[in-house]
Every structure is written in structure tokens, then in C-alpha cells.
Amino acid sequence: MRPLRLLFETREAAREVAFMLRCEYDGCTLITLPPVYDTVALRVAIELTGADFCFDGDHYPLVLPPLKDELTQGSHPPVSDLISRKAELWCNEVPF
């Protein structure tokens, strides 16, 4: 198995997730998880920072699906608008 590399939208989010999971942090927006890692801890750390992320080499953000408790009729449309707006911003950035 290979180490998992994740890119975050901000340096602060990457630094906080790396600190919480005790994994490698490149000083910018990339963290490297060991080949075996705790997926629940990763999800919690990402949710605590509230940041979007993608796998190293991808150019589109991954968004964790909301939990059933978080979905309500009133909050669902604004969340989807926010997600699509962030995706548009990421698509407009040049990856290199």
C-alpha cells in the first residue's frame, strides 16, 4: 500500500489535520498519511477544520457527504450551492 497524500484548500487546514493525525506536513497544503491510517479520525479532523481537500494529483475538491442528522429541508439547498461554488473556484485555478 502507498501513503495517502491529501491537498487542502488552506495551509492552516493542512497544518491542523496533520497535527491532529500526527502525519507528515509539507509546510504548505499537502499532508501525507501512512499506508495504514484511521479513517474515522481522518473524517473527524477534516470536519473539524471545515476545509475542502482533494487527493494529490486531482484538481477537484472532495466533499464529505453530510450525515443524515445534518440534512434538513431548509439547510440542504444552501449547502449544495456552497459546494458547487467552491467546485467552480477550484476548477478555475490552474493546477500548475
PDB file of N, CA and C in Angstrom:
ATOM      1  N   MET A   1       0.830  -1.187   0.000  1.00  0.00           N
ATOM      2  CA  MET A   1       0.000   0.000   0.000  1.00  0.00           C
ATOM      3  C   MET A   1       0.872   1.246   0.000  1.00  0.00           C
ATOM      4  N   ARG A   2       0.368   2.275  -0.638  1.00  0.00           N
ATOM      5  CA  ARG A   2       1.094   3.548  -0.703  1.00  0.00           C
ATOM      6  C   ARG A   2       0.569   4.523   0.345  1.00  0.00           C
ATOM      7  N   PRO A   3       1.394   5.478   0.740  1.00  0.00           N
ATOM      8  CA  PRO A   3       0.902   6.535   1.628  1.00  0.00           C
ATOM      9  C   PRO A   3      -0.169   7.359   0.905  1.00  0.00           C
ATOM     10  N   LEU A   4      -1.109   7.878   1.655  1.00  0.00           N
ATOM     11  CA  LEU A   4      -2.177   8.705   1.100  1.00  0.00           C
ATOM     12  C   LEU A   4      -1.769  10.164   1.221  1.00  0.00           C
ATOM     13  N   ARG A   5      -1.807  10.883   0.099  1.00  0.00           N
ATOM     14  CA  ARG A   5      -1.445  12.304   0.091  1.00  0.00           C
ATOM     15  C   ARG A   5      -2.690  13.120  -0.203  1.00  0.00           C
ATOM     16  N   LEU A   6      -2.978  14.104   0.664  1.00  0.00           N
ATOM     17  CA  LEU A   6      -4.150  14.952   0.521  1.00  0.00           C
ATOM     18  C   LEU A   6      -3.732  16.405   0.423  1.00  0.00           C
ATOM     19  N   LEU A   7      -4.387  17.143  -0.466  1.00  0.00           N
ATOM     20  CA  LEU A   7      -4.181  18.581  -0.610  1.00  0.00           C
ATOM     21  C   LEU A   7      -5.376  19.306  -0.016  1.00  0.00           C
ATOM     22  N   PHE A   8      -5.112  20.299   0.809  1.00  0.00           N
ATOM     23  CA  PHE A   8      -6.179  21.082   1.426  1.00  0.00           C
ATOM     24  C   PHE A   8      -6.239  22.468   0.810  1.00  0.00           C
ATOM     25  N   GLU A   9      -7.368  23.153   1.010  1.00  0.00           N
ATOM     26  CA  GLU A   9      -7.541  24.465   0.399  1.00  0.00           C
ATOM     27  C   GLU A   9      -6.731  25.548   1.096  1.00  0.00           C
ATOM     28  N   THR A  10      -6.344  25.331   2.354  1.00  0.00           N
ATOM     29  CA  THR A  10      -5.537  26.334   3.060  1.00  0.00           C
ATOM     30  C   THR A  10      -4.399  25.658   3.817  1.00  0.00           C
ATOM     31  N   ARG A  11      -3.359  26.433   4.082  1.00  0.00           N
ATOM     32  CA  ARG A  11      -2.233  25.937   4.868  1.00  0.00           C
ATOM     33  C   ARG A  11      -2.654  25.604   6.290  1.00  0.00           C
ATOM     34  N   GLU A  12      -3.519  26.462   6.837  1.00  0.00           N
ATOM     35  CA  GLU A  12      -3.962  26.262   8.210  1.00  0.00           C
ATOM     36  C   GLU A  12      -4.705  24.933   8.365  1.00  0.00           C
ATOM     37  N   ALA A  13      -5.576  24.624   7.416  1.00  0.00           N
ATOM     38  CA  ALA A  13      -6.329  23.368   7.477  1.00  0.00           C
ATOM     39  C   ALA A  13      -5.380  22.172   7.383  1.00  0.00           C
ATOM     40  N   ALA A  14      -4.435  22.226   6.469  1.00  0.00           N
ATOM     41  CA  ALA A  14      -3.476  21.128   6.315  1.00  0.00           C
ATOM     42  C   ALA A  14      -2.649  20.956   7.581  1.00  0.00           C
ATOM     43  N   ARG A  15      -2.195  22.064   8.150  1.00  0.00           N
ATOM     44  CA  ARG A  15      -1.386  22.003   9.366  1.00  0.00           C
ATOM     45  C   ARG A  15      -2.192  21.418  10.527  1.00  0.00           C
ATOM     46  N   GLU A  16      -3.454  21.843  10.675  1.00  0.00           N
ATOM     47  CA  GLU A  16      -4.285  21.353  11.774  1.00  0.00           C
ATOM     48  C   GLU A  16      -4.587  19.858  11.634  1.00  0.00           C
ATOM     49  N   VAL A  17      -4.924  19.414  10.417  1.00  0.00           N
ATOM     50  CA  VAL A  17      -5.212  17.997  10.201  1.00  0.00           C
ATOM     51  C   VAL A  17      -3.952  17.166  10.448  1.00  0.00           C
ATOM     52  N   ALA A  18      -2.818  17.636   9.952  1.00  0.00           N
ATOM     53  CA  ALA A  18      -1.559  16.906  10.165  1.00  0.00           C
ATOM     54  C   ALA A  18      -1.234  16.818  11.654  1.00  0.00           C
ATOM     55  N   PHE A  19      -1.484  17.890  12.388  1.00  0.00           N
ATOM     56  CA  PHE A  19      -1.234  17.882  13.830  1.00  0.00           C
ATOM     57  C   PHE A  19      -2.158  16.890  14.535  1.00  0.00           C
ATOM     58  N   MET A  20      -3.456  16.913  14.179  1.00  0.00           N
ATOM     59  CA  MET A  20      -4.417  16.022  14.826  1.00  0.00           C
ATOM     60  C   MET A  20      -4.109  14.552  14.550  1.00  0.00           C
ATOM     61  N   LEU A  21      -3.654  14.258  13.326  1.00  0.00           N
ATOM     62  CA  LEU A  21      -3.411  12.867  12.941  1.00  0.00           C
ATOM     63  C   LEU A  21      -1.954  12.446  13.095  1.00  0.00           C
ATOM     64  N   ARG A  22      -1.097  13.404  13.476  1.00  0.00           N
ATOM     65  CA  ARG A  22       0.335  13.141  13.644  1.00  0.00           C
ATOM     66  C   ARG A  22       0.936  12.530  12.379  1.00  0.00           C
ATOM     67  N   CYS A  23       0.700  13.209  11.277  1.00  0.00           N
ATOM     68  CA  CYS A  23       1.253  12.740   9.999  1.00  0.00           C
ATOM     69  C   CYS A  23       2.158  13.822   9.419  1.00  0.00           C
ATOM     70  N   GLU A  24       2.766  13.538   8.280  1.00  0.00           N
ATOM     71  CA  GLU A  24       3.701  14.473   7.655  1.00  0.00           C
ATOM     72  C   GLU A  24       2.953  15.661   7.050  1.00  0.00           C
ATOM     73  N   TYR A  25       3.544  16.844   7.209  1.00  0.00           N
ATOM     74  CA  TYR A  25       3.001  18.094   6.677  1.00  0.00           C
ATOM     75  C   TYR A  25       4.127  18.774   5.913  1.00  0.00           C
ATOM     76  N   ASP A  26       3.863  19.182   4.664  1.00  0.00           N
ATOM     77  CA  ASP A  26       4.920  19.739   3.825  1.00  0.00           C
ATOM     78  C   ASP A  26       5.176  21.226   4.041  1.00  0.00           C
ATOM     79  N   GLY A  27       4.437  21.870   4.950  1.00  0.00           N
ATOM     80  CA  GLY A  27       4.621  23.297   5.193  1.00  0.00           C
ATOM     81  C   GLY A  27       3.746  24.142   4.294  1.00  0.00           C
ATOM     82  N   CYS A  28       3.029  23.524   3.407  1.00  0.00           N
ATOM     83  CA  CYS A  28       2.127  24.268   2.521  1.00  0.00           C
ATOM     84  C   CYS A  28       0.714  23.703   2.673  1.00  0.00           C
ATOM     85  N   THR A  29       0.202  22.976   1.703  1.00  0.00           N
ATOM     86  CA  THR A  29      -1.164  22.462   1.793  1.00  0.00           C
ATOM     87  C   THR A  29      -1.249  20.951   1.639  1.00  0.00           C
ATOM     88  N   LEU A  30      -0.129  20.250   1.670  1.00  0.00           N
ATOM     89  CA  LEU A  30      -0.105  18.804   1.462  1.00  0.00           C
ATOM     90  C   LEU A  30       0.205  18.078   2.763  1.00  0.00           C
ATOM     91  N   ILE A  31      -0.586  17.023   3.039  1.00  0.00           N
ATOM     92  CA  ILE A  31      -0.246  16.130   4.142  1.00  0.00           C
ATOM     93  C   ILE A  31      -0.089  14.726   3.580  1.00  0.00           C
ATOM     94  N   THR A  32       0.739  13.929   4.235  1.00  0.00           N
ATOM     95  CA  THR A  32       0.964  12.542   3.819  1.00  0.00           C
ATOM     96  C   THR A  32       0.632  11.627   4.984  1.00  0.00           C
ATOM     97  N   LEU A  33      -0.381  10.796   4.770  1.00  0.00           N
ATOM     98  CA  LEU A  33      -0.790   9.820   5.777  1.00  0.00           C
ATOM     99  C   LEU A  33      -0.048   8.523   5.534  1.00  0.00           C
ATOM    100  N   PRO A  34       0.229   7.763   6.577  1.00  0.00           N
ATOM    101  CA  PRO A  34       0.889   6.469   6.380  1.00  0.00           C
ATOM    102  C   PRO A  34      -0.030   5.515   5.614  1.00  0.00           C
ATOM    103  N   PRO A  35       0.519   4.404   5.106  1.00  0.00           N
ATOM    104  CA  PRO A  35      -0.314   3.459   4.353  1.00  0.00           C
ATOM    105  C   PRO A  35      -1.510   2.925   5.152  1.00  0.00           C
ATOM    106  N   VAL A  36      -1.359   2.781   6.455  1.00  0.00           N
ATOM    107  CA  VAL A  36      -2.472   2.348   7.295  1.00  0.00           C
ATOM    108  C   VAL A  36      -2.823   3.515   8.219  1.00  0.00           C
ATOM    109  N   TYR A  37      -4.068   3.993   8.133  1.00  0.00           N
ATOM    110  CA  TYR A  37      -4.499   5.139   8.928  1.00  0.00           C
ATOM    111  C   TYR A  37      -5.932   4.930   9.373  1.00  0.00           C
ATOM    112  N   ASP A  38      -6.346   5.689  10.352  1.00  0.00           N
ATOM    113  CA  ASP A  38      -7.683   5.601  10.921  1.00  0.00           C
ATOM    114  C   ASP A  38      -8.626   6.498  10.116  1.00  0.00           C
ATOM    115  N   THR A  39      -9.545   5.884   9.384  1.00  0.00           N
ATOM    116  CA  THR A  39     -10.438   6.672   8.527  1.00  0.00           C
ATOM    117  C   THR A  39     -11.417   7.518   9.339  1.00  0.00           C
ATOM    118  N   VAL A  40     -11.834   7.035  10.499  1.00  0.00           N
ATOM    119  CA  VAL A  40     -12.746   7.814  11.335  1.00  0.00           C
ATOM    120  C   VAL A  40     -12.029   9.062  11.855  1.00  0.00           C
ATOM    121  N   ALA A  41     -10.795   8.899  12.296  1.00  0.00           N
ATOM    122  CA  ALA A  41     -10.020  10.044  12.775  1.00  0.00           C
ATOM    123  C   ALA A  41      -9.795  11.047  11.646  1.00  0.00           C
ATOM    124  N   LEU A  42      -9.542  10.558  10.437  1.00  0.00           N
ATOM    125  CA  LEU A  42      -9.347  11.447   9.288  1.00  0.00           C
ATOM    126  C   LEU A  42     -10.622  12.240   9.019  1.00  0.00           C
ATOM    127  N   ARG A  43     -11.761  11.569   9.010  1.00  0.00           N
ATOM    128  CA  ARG A  43     -13.028  12.255   8.749  1.00  0.00           C
ATOM    129  C   ARG A  43     -13.313  13.311   9.813  1.00  0.00           C
ATOM    130  N   VAL A  44     -13.091  12.960  11.078  1.00  0.00           N
ATOM    131  CA  VAL A  44     -13.339  13.911  12.168  1.00  0.00           C
ATOM    132  C   VAL A  44     -12.417  15.123  12.040  1.00  0.00           C
ATOM    133  N   ALA A  45     -11.149  14.893  11.759  1.00  0.00           N
ATOM    134  CA  ALA A  45     -10.195  16.003  11.620  1.00  0.00           C
ATOM    135  C   ALA A  45     -10.596  16.926  10.476  1.00  0.00           C
ATOM    136  N   ILE A  46     -11.023  16.355   9.362  1.00  0.00           N
ATOM    137  CA  ILE A  46     -11.434  17.176   8.216  1.00  0.00           C
ATOM    138  C   ILE A  46     -12.697  17.957   8.550  1.00  0.00           C
ATOM    139  N   GLU A  47     -13.643  17.317   9.215  1.00  0.00           N
ATOM    140  CA  GLU A  47     -14.874  18.016   9.587  1.00  0.00           C
ATOM    141  C   GLU A  47     -14.608  19.132  10.590  1.00  0.00           C
ATOM    142  N   LEU A  48     -13.672  18.917  11.514  1.00  0.00           N
ATOM    143  CA  LEU A  48     -13.351  19.956  12.492  1.00  0.00           C
ATOM    144  C   LEU A  48     -12.754  21.195  11.831  1.00  0.00           C
ATOM    145  N   THR A  49     -11.942  21.000  10.808  1.00  0.00           N
ATOM    146  CA  THR A  49     -11.354  22.153  10.124  1.00  0.00           C
ATOM    147  C   THR A  49     -12.348  22.793   9.167  1.00  0.00           C
ATOM    148  N   GLY A  50     -13.297  22.011   8.659  1.00  0.00           N
ATOM    149  CA  GLY A  50     -14.286  22.545   7.719  1.00  0.00           C
ATOM    150  C   GLY A  50     -13.699  22.863   6.358  1.00  0.00           C
ATOM    151  N   ALA A  51     -12.562  22.277   6.037  1.00  0.00           N
ATOM    152  CA  ALA A  51     -11.877  22.588   4.782  1.00  0.00           C
ATOM    153  C   ALA A  51     -12.174  21.549   3.709  1.00  0.00           C
ATOM    154  N   ASP A  52     -12.092  21.976   2.463  1.00  0.00           N
ATOM    155  CA  ASP A  52     -12.178  21.058   1.336  1.00  0.00           C
ATOM    156  C   ASP A  52     -10.792  20.486   1.074  1.00  0.00           C
ATOM    157  N   PHE A  53     -10.755  19.317   0.452  1.00  0.00           N
ATOM    158  CA  PHE A  53      -9.483  18.670   0.160  1.00  0.00           C
ATOM    159  C   PHE A  53      -9.632  17.864  -1.119  1.00  0.00           C
ATOM    160  N   CYS A  54      -8.516  17.451  -1.678  1.00  0.00           N
ATOM    161  CA  CYS A  54      -8.524  16.538  -2.815  1.00  0.00           C
ATOM    162  C   CYS A  54      -7.290  15.647  -2.702  1.00  0.00           C
ATOM    163  N   PHE A  55      -7.304  14.556  -3.451  1.00  0.00           N
ATOM    164  CA  PHE A  55      -6.139  13.687  -3.471  1.00  0.00           C
ATOM    165  C   PHE A  55      -5.046  14.338  -4.296  1.00  0.00           C
ATOM    166  N   ASP A  56      -3.806  14.084  -3.946  1.00  0.00           N
ATOM    167  CA  ASP A  56      -2.670  14.611  -4.691  1.00  0.00           C
ATOM    168  C   ASP A  56      -2.800  14.185  -6.153  1.00  0.00           C
ATOM    169  N   GLY A  57      -2.742  15.136  -7.068  1.00  0.00           N
ATOM    170  CA  GLY A  57      -2.869  14.857  -8.497  1.00  0.00           C
ATOM    171  C   GLY A  57      -4.242  15.176  -9.042  1.00  0.00           C
ATOM    172  N   ASP A  58      -5.269  15.276  -8.174  1.00  0.00           N
ATOM    173  CA  ASP A  58      -6.611  15.660  -8.616  1.00  0.00           C
ATOM    174  C   ASP A  58      -6.715  17.177  -8.645  1.00  0.00           C
ATOM    175  N   HIS A  59      -7.728  17.661  -9.329  1.00  0.00           N
ATOM    176  CA  HIS A  59      -7.918  19.108  -9.412  1.00  0.00           C
ATOM    177  C   HIS A  59      -9.294  19.537  -8.941  1.00  0.00           C
ATOM    178  N   TYR A  60     -10.073  18.602  -8.415  1.00  0.00           N
ATOM    179  CA  TYR A  60     -11.412  18.906  -7.943  1.00  0.00           C
ATOM    180  C   TYR A  60     -11.508  18.571  -6.466  1.00  0.00           C
ATOM    181  N   PRO A  61     -12.194  19.397  -5.691  1.00  0.00           N
ATOM    182  CA  PRO A  61     -12.285  19.130  -4.256  1.00  0.00           C
ATOM    183  C   PRO A  61     -13.201  17.951  -3.965  1.00  0.00           C
ATOM    184  N   LEU A  62     -12.880  17.214  -2.935  1.00  0.00           N
ATOM    185  CA  LEU A  62     -13.750  16.156  -2.438  1.00  0.00           C
ATOM    186  C   LEU A  62     -14.509  16.715  -1.257  1.00  0.00           C
ATOM    187  N   VAL A  63     -15.767  16.432  -1.206  1.00  0.00           N
ATOM    188  CA  VAL A  63     -16.598  16.909  -0.111  1.00  0.00           C
ATOM    189  C   VAL A  63     -17.177  15.694   0.585  1.00  0.00           C
ATOM    190  N   LEU A  64     -17.008  15.640   1.875  1.00  0.00           N
ATOM    191  CA  LEU A  64     -17.575  14.529   2.629  1.00  0.00           C
ATOM    192  C   LEU A  64     -19.089  14.629   2.590  1.00  0.00           C
ATOM    193  N   PRO A  65     -19.780  13.511   2.347  1.00  0.00           N
ATOM    194  CA  PRO A  65     -21.238  13.570   2.339  1.00  0.00           C
ATOM    195  C   PRO A  65     -21.756  13.904   3.731  1.00  0.00           C
ATOM    196  N   PRO A  66     -22.781  14.748   3.804  1.00  0.00           N
ATOM    197  CA  PRO A  66     -23.306  15.109   5.119  1.00  0.00           C
ATOM    198  C   PRO A  66     -23.951  13.902   5.798  1.00  0.00           C
ATOM    199  N   LEU A  67     -23.885  13.896   7.099  1.00  0.00           N
ATOM    200  CA  LEU A  67     -24.545  12.849   7.864  1.00  0.00           C
ATOM    201  C   LEU A  67     -26.048  13.080   7.832  1.00  0.00           C
ATOM    202  N   LYS A  68     -26.834  12.047   8.049  1.00  0.00           N
ATOM    203  CA  LYS A  68     -28.292  12.161   7.974  1.00  0.00           C
ATOM    204  C   LYS A  68     -28.823  13.204   8.940  1.00  0.00           C
ATOM    205  N   ASP A  69     -28.203  13.332  10.101  1.00  0.00           N
ATOM    206  CA  ASP A  69     -28.663  14.316  11.089  1.00  0.00           C
ATOM    207  C   ASP A  69     -28.449  15.750  10.620  1.00  0.00           C
ATOM    208  N   GLU A  70     -27.474  15.953   9.749  1.00  0.00           N
ATOM    209  CA  GLU A  70     -27.145  17.299   9.300  1.00  0.00           C
ATOM    210  C   GLU A  70     -28.079  17.781   8.192  1.00  0.00           C
ATOM    211  N   LEU A  71     -28.733  16.864   7.518  1.00  0.00           N
ATOM    212  CA  LEU A  71     -29.603  17.234   6.404  1.00  0.00           C
ATOM    213  C   LEU A  71     -30.995  17.598   6.901  1.00  0.00           C
ATOM    214  N   THR A  72     -31.405  18.795   6.581  1.00  0.00           N
ATOM    215  CA  THR A  72     -32.778  19.211   6.825  1.00  0.00           C
ATOM    216  C   THR A  72     -33.265  19.873   5.558  1.00  0.00           C
ATOM    217  N   GLN A  73     -34.562  19.967   5.404  1.00  0.00           N
ATOM    218  CA  GLN A  73     -35.114  20.574   4.196  1.00  0.00           C
ATOM    219  C   GLN A  73     -34.598  21.995   4.012  1.00  0.00           C
ATOM    220  N   GLY A  74     -34.519  22.758   5.079  1.00  0.00           N
ATOM    221  CA  GLY A  74     -34.113  24.154   4.969  1.00  0.00           C
ATOM    222  C   GLY A  74     -32.642  24.352   4.689  1.00  0.00           C
ATOM    223  N   SER A  75     -31.790  23.455   5.146  1.00  0.00           N
ATOM    224  CA  SER A  75     -30.350  23.682   5.010  1.00  0.00           C
ATOM    225  C   SER A  75     -29.759  23.028   3.768  1.00  0.00           C
ATOM    226  N   HIS A  76     -30.449  22.116   3.146  1.00  0.00           N
ATOM    227  CA  HIS A  76     -29.867  21.380   2.024  1.00  0.00           C
ATOM    228  C   HIS A  76     -29.547  22.245   0.799  1.00  0.00           C
ATOM    229  N   PRO A  77     -30.436  23.089   0.309  1.00  0.00           N
ATOM    230  CA  PRO A  77     -30.081  23.894  -0.878  1.00  0.00           C
ATOM    231  C   PRO A  77     -28.887  24.820  -0.666  1.00  0.00           C
ATOM    232  N   PRO A  78     -28.772  25.545   0.447  1.00  0.00           N
ATOM    233  CA  PRO A  78     -27.586  26.398   0.614  1.00  0.00           C
ATOM    234  C   PRO A  78     -26.278  25.603   0.651  1.00  0.00           C
ATOM    235  N   VAL A  79     -26.293  24.410   1.234  1.00  0.00           N
ATOM    236  CA  VAL A  79     -25.091  23.584   1.284  1.00  0.00           C
ATOM    237  C   VAL A  79     -24.687  23.182  -0.131  1.00  0.00           C
ATOM    238  N   SER A  80     -25.652  22.775  -0.943  1.00  0.00           N
ATOM    239  CA  SER A  80     -25.326  22.371  -2.310  1.00  0.00           C
ATOM    240  C   SER A  80     -24.833  23.563  -3.132  1.00  0.00           C
ATOM    241  N   ASP A  81     -25.383  24.745  -2.898  1.00  0.00           N
ATOM    242  CA  ASP A  81     -24.901  25.942  -3.591  1.00  0.00           C
ATOM    243  C   ASP A  81     -23.462  26.249  -3.209  1.00  0.00           C
ATOM    244  N   LEU A  82     -23.148  26.111  -1.920  1.00  0.00           N
ATOM    245  CA  LEU A  82     -21.796  26.363  -1.438  1.00  0.00           C
ATOM    246  C   LEU A  82     -20.811  25.375  -2.045  1.00  0.00           C
ATOM    247  N   ILE A  83     -21.188  24.107  -2.083  1.00  0.00           N
ATOM    248  CA  ILE A  83     -20.317  23.085  -2.644  1.00  0.00           C
ATOM    249  C   ILE A  83     -20.058  23.344  -4.120  1.00  0.00           C
ATOM    250  N   SER A  84     -21.102  23.667  -4.887  1.00  0.00           N
ATOM    251  CA  SER A  84     -20.903  23.904  -6.320  1.00  0.00           C
ATOM    252  C   SER A  84     -20.093  25.174  -6.556  1.00  0.00           C
ATOM    253  N   ARG A  85     -20.249  26.188  -5.712  1.00  0.00           N
ATOM    254  CA  ARG A  85     -19.456  27.419  -5.863  1.00  0.00           C
ATOM    255  C   ARG A  85     -17.980  27.142  -5.587  1.00  0.00           C
ATOM    256  N   LYS A  86     -17.692  26.360  -4.546  1.00  0.00           N
ATOM    257  CA  LYS A  86     -16.300  26.018  -4.255  1.00  0.00           C
ATOM    258  C   LYS A  86     -15.704  25.192  -5.384  1.00  0.00           C
ATOM    259  N   ALA A  87     -16.489  24.282  -5.946  1.00  0.00           N
ATOM    260  CA  ALA A  87     -16.006  23.467  -7.060  1.00  0.00           C
ATOM    261  C   ALA A  87     -15.683  24.349  -8.261  1.00  0.00           C
ATOM    262  N   GLU A  88     -16.513  25.360  -8.520  1.00  0.00           N
ATOM    263  CA  GLU A  88     -16.235  26.284  -9.625  1.00  0.00           C
ATOM    264  C   GLU A  88     -14.924  27.023  -9.385  1.00  0.00           C
ATOM    265  N   LEU A  89     -14.698  27.474  -8.162  1.00  0.00           N
ATOM    266  CA  LEU A  89     -13.469  28.196  -7.853  1.00  0.00           C
ATOM    267  C   LEU A  89     -12.250  27.310  -8.045  1.00  0.00           C
ATOM    268  N   TRP A  90     -12.343  26.055  -7.627  1.00  0.00           N
ATOM    269  CA  TRP A  90     -11.211  25.138  -7.774  1.00  0.00           C
ATOM    270  C   TRP A  90     -10.964  24.834  -9.240  1.00  0.00           C
ATOM    271  N   CYS A  91     -12.031  24.733 -10.038  1.00  0.00           N
ATOM    272  CA  CYS A  91     -11.870  24.419 -11.469  1.00  0.00           C
ATOM    273  C   CYS A  91     -11.202  25.577 -12.211  1.00  0.00           C
ATOM    274  N   ASN A  92     -11.416  26.801 -11.731  1.00  0.00           N
ATOM    275  CA  ASN A  92     -10.849  27.966 -12.392  1.00  0.00           C
ATOM    276  C   ASN A  92      -9.373  28.145 -12.090  1.00  0.00           C
ATOM    277  N   GLU A  93      -8.852  27.475 -11.047  1.00  0.00           N
ATOM    278  CA  GLU A  93      -7.444  27.600 -10.707  1.00  0.00           C
ATOM    279  C   GLU A  93      -6.600  26.727 -11.615  1.00  0.00           C
ATOM    280  N   VAL A  94      -5.467  27.258 -12.009  1.00  0.00           N
ATOM    281  CA  VAL A  94      -4.539  26.482 -12.826  1.00  0.00           C
ATOM    282  C   VAL A  94      -3.782  25.520 -11.912  1.00  0.00           C
ATOM    283  N   PRO A  95      -3.767  24.210 -12.211  1.00  0.00           N
ATOM    284  CA  PRO A  95      -3.174  23.254 -11.288  1.00  0.00           C
ATOM    285  C   PRO A  95      -1.651  23.274 -11.237  1.00  0.00           C
ATOM    286  N   PHE A  96      -0.981  24.033 -12.090  1.00  0.00           N
ATOM    287  CA  PHE A  96       0.485  24.038 -12.063  1.00  0.00           C
ATOM    288  C   PHE A  96       0.998  25.450 -12.148  1.00  0.00           C
TER     289      PHE A  96
END
